[in-house]
Amino acid sequence: MHPIANTSPAGRPAAPEKQPADAPSVVPAKFLDMYRGAIAAAVDADGDGQVSEAEYARQLMHAGGSAQAAQDGWKSFDTDGDGRVSTEEFAKSVADPFGNERDALLRRILDELRTGQGAVQPKGYVLDASGKVADPHAALRYLAANFSGNMQY
């Protein structure tokens, strides 16, 4: 009889090996986090990892918002007053597009993809005049079409 590999000397299953603290781990991406990150990346026009007040204002003013509305909205993001907000910080402020209708909305998005509606990566102007995502369905369709096997809903 051959000893079983992963057993203790007494024949019982060995305790699982502990992973080193710096060992890579795989964490499935959450759909909401990917959505928020895609919107933040689109607002970050120069791609420097920061959303500046000017980038935020351009988004709102392009959609018909006022400079004052942009300035007022900006204050809620720039809590330390340095004039910049990381894309991660900004992403946290993006509203959950699902609300209480997660399953219904996911079905709708998948139906939209099946009928050939666009699935284009969000870029350019993505916010409306009030600072909300102008077309959340377009961003959600893009993510569902391109990353559906990697996400937790």
Protein backbone atom coordinates (compact mmCIF):
# COMPACT_ATOMS: atom_id res chain seq x y z
CA MET A 1 0.00 0.00 0.00
CA HIS A 2 1.33 3.42 -0.99
CA PRO A 3 0.98 6.40 1.30
CA ILE A 4 -1.51 9.02 0.12
CA ALA A 5 0.16 12.29 -0.80
CA ASN A 6 -1.42 15.05 1.36
CA THR A 7 -1.77 13.06 4.59
CA SER A 8 -0.17 13.46 7.97
CA PRO A 9 2.16 10.75 9.32
CA ALA A 10 -0.85 9.35 11.15
CA GLY A 11 -2.74 8.91 7.86
CA ARG A 12 -5.18 11.73 8.48
CA PRO A 13 -5.61 14.52 5.93
CA ALA A 14 -2.88 17.10 6.32
CA ALA A 15 -3.78 20.66 7.17
CA PRO A 16 -3.90 22.87 4.10
CA GLU A 17 -0.67 24.72 3.44
CA LYS A 18 -0.74 28.39 4.29
CA GLN A 19 -0.13 30.72 1.37
CA PRO A 20 2.61 33.32 1.79
CA ALA A 21 1.27 36.81 2.45
CA ASP A 22 2.50 38.01 -0.95
CA ALA A 23 1.04 35.07 -2.90
CA PRO A 24 -1.26 36.16 -5.72
CA SER A 25 -4.92 35.38 -5.33
CA VAL A 26 -7.77 35.36 -7.78
CA VAL A 27 -10.80 37.41 -6.86
CA PRO A 28 -13.68 37.52 -9.30
CA ALA A 29 -14.55 41.02 -10.41
CA LYS A 30 -17.89 42.32 -9.28
CA PHE A 31 -20.04 43.70 -12.07
CA LEU A 32 -20.81 46.88 -10.11
CA ASP A 33 -17.12 47.55 -9.44
CA MET A 34 -16.27 47.09 -13.11
CA TYR A 35 -19.11 49.41 -14.11
CA ARG A 36 -18.00 52.12 -11.70
CA GLY A 37 -14.38 51.76 -12.81
CA ALA A 38 -15.32 52.05 -16.49
CA ILE A 39 -17.24 55.27 -15.83
CA ALA A 40 -14.40 56.74 -13.75
CA ALA A 41 -11.88 55.85 -16.46
CA ALA A 42 -14.02 57.63 -19.07
CA VAL A 43 -14.25 60.78 -16.93
CA ASP A 44 -10.45 60.69 -16.45
CA ALA A 45 -9.87 62.12 -19.94
CA ASP A 46 -6.08 62.28 -19.73
CA GLY A 47 -5.74 58.81 -18.19
CA ASP A 48 -3.53 59.91 -15.29
CA GLY A 49 -5.53 58.00 -12.66
CA GLN A 50 -7.00 61.21 -11.27
CA VAL A 51 -10.28 62.98 -12.03
CA SER A 52 -9.59 66.69 -11.95
CA GLU A 53 -12.18 69.38 -11.36
CA ALA A 54 -11.77 70.46 -14.98
CA GLU A 55 -12.44 66.92 -16.28
CA TYR A 56 -15.54 66.66 -14.13
CA ALA A 57 -16.76 70.13 -15.16
CA ARG A 58 -16.25 69.32 -18.86
CA GLN A 59 -18.50 66.29 -18.48
CA LEU A 60 -21.33 68.24 -16.86
CA MET A 61 -21.07 71.32 -19.05
CA HIS A 62 -21.03 69.22 -22.24
CA ALA A 63 -24.38 67.80 -21.13
CA GLY A 64 -25.82 71.27 -20.47
CA GLY A 65 -24.92 71.65 -16.80
CA SER A 66 -23.66 74.88 -15.35
CA ALA A 67 -20.20 75.70 -14.08
CA GLN A 68 -21.76 76.30 -10.67
CA ALA A 69 -23.36 72.83 -10.64
CA ALA A 70 -20.00 71.31 -11.55
CA GLN A 71 -18.24 73.25 -8.81
CA ASP A 72 -20.86 72.28 -6.24
CA GLY A 73 -20.73 68.62 -7.26
CA TRP A 74 -16.96 68.63 -7.20
CA LYS A 75 -16.86 69.64 -3.55
CA SER A 76 -18.42 66.31 -2.57
CA PHE A 77 -15.54 64.39 -4.22
CA ASP A 78 -12.56 66.56 -3.34
CA THR A 79 -12.79 66.24 0.41
CA ASP A 80 -9.20 67.35 1.05
CA GLY A 81 -9.43 70.36 -1.30
CA ASP A 82 -6.37 69.48 -3.42
CA GLY A 83 -8.25 69.76 -6.71
CA ARG A 84 -7.92 66.09 -7.66
CA VAL A 85 -9.65 62.83 -6.89
CA SER A 86 -8.31 59.37 -7.74
CA THR A 87 -10.37 57.33 -10.18
CA GLU A 88 -10.92 54.82 -7.35
CA GLU A 89 -12.38 57.55 -5.13
CA PHE A 90 -14.51 58.87 -7.97
CA ALA A 91 -15.73 55.37 -8.84
CA LYS A 92 -17.13 54.99 -5.32
CA SER A 93 -19.42 57.95 -5.99
CA VAL A 94 -20.96 56.43 -9.14
CA ALA A 95 -24.49 55.31 -8.35
CA ASP A 96 -25.46 51.64 -8.54
CA PRO A 97 -27.36 51.35 -11.84
CA PHE A 98 -29.24 48.29 -10.67
CA GLY A 99 -31.17 49.59 -7.69
CA ASN A 100 -33.72 46.98 -6.65
CA GLU A 101 -34.15 45.67 -10.17
CA ARG A 102 -30.86 43.78 -10.65
CA ASP A 103 -32.29 40.62 -12.23
CA ALA A 104 -34.74 42.46 -14.47
CA LEU A 105 -32.06 44.89 -15.63
CA LEU A 106 -29.57 42.10 -16.37
CA ARG A 107 -32.22 40.28 -18.42
CA ARG A 108 -32.94 43.52 -20.30
CA ILE A 109 -29.25 44.09 -21.02
CA LEU A 110 -28.81 40.55 -22.31
CA ASP A 111 -31.91 40.97 -24.50
CA GLU A 112 -30.46 44.23 -25.84
CA LEU A 113 -27.23 42.43 -26.74
CA ARG A 114 -29.16 39.64 -28.46
CA THR A 115 -31.03 42.20 -30.59
CA GLY A 116 -27.75 43.77 -31.69
CA GLN A 117 -27.64 46.92 -29.58
CA GLY A 118 -24.18 48.38 -29.24
CA ALA A 119 -21.60 47.23 -26.76
CA VAL A 120 -19.04 50.03 -26.91
CA GLN A 121 -16.54 50.83 -24.17
CA PRO A 122 -17.60 53.98 -22.32
CA LYS A 123 -15.38 56.91 -23.28
CA GLY A 124 -15.71 60.57 -23.89
CA TYR A 125 -18.69 62.26 -22.31
CA VAL A 126 -20.48 59.80 -20.01
CA LEU A 127 -22.08 62.05 -17.37
CA ASP A 128 -25.26 64.07 -17.62
CA ALA A 129 -25.72 67.67 -16.48
CA SER A 130 -26.32 66.58 -12.88
CA GLY A 131 -23.21 64.37 -12.69
CA LYS A 132 -25.04 61.05 -13.07
CA VAL A 133 -24.15 58.48 -15.72
CA ALA A 134 -25.99 59.56 -18.87
CA ASP A 135 -26.48 56.09 -20.38
CA PRO A 136 -25.82 53.37 -17.82
CA HIS A 137 -27.25 50.71 -20.11
CA ALA A 138 -24.58 51.32 -22.74
CA ALA A 139 -21.82 50.80 -20.16
CA LEU A 140 -23.55 47.75 -18.74
CA ARG A 141 -24.00 46.24 -22.22
CA TYR A 142 -20.29 46.72 -22.90
CA LEU A 143 -19.30 44.98 -19.66
CA ALA A 144 -21.80 42.14 -20.10
CA ALA A 145 -20.65 41.55 -23.70
CA ASN A 146 -16.94 41.64 -22.97
CA PHE A 147 -16.41 40.36 -19.44
CA SER A 148 -19.41 38.19 -18.61
CA GLY A 149 -17.33 35.10 -17.77
CA ASN A 150 -15.19 36.97 -15.26
CA MET A 151 -17.80 38.70 -13.14
CA GLN A 152 -19.94 38.04 -10.14
CA TYR A 153 -23.40 39.54 -10.43
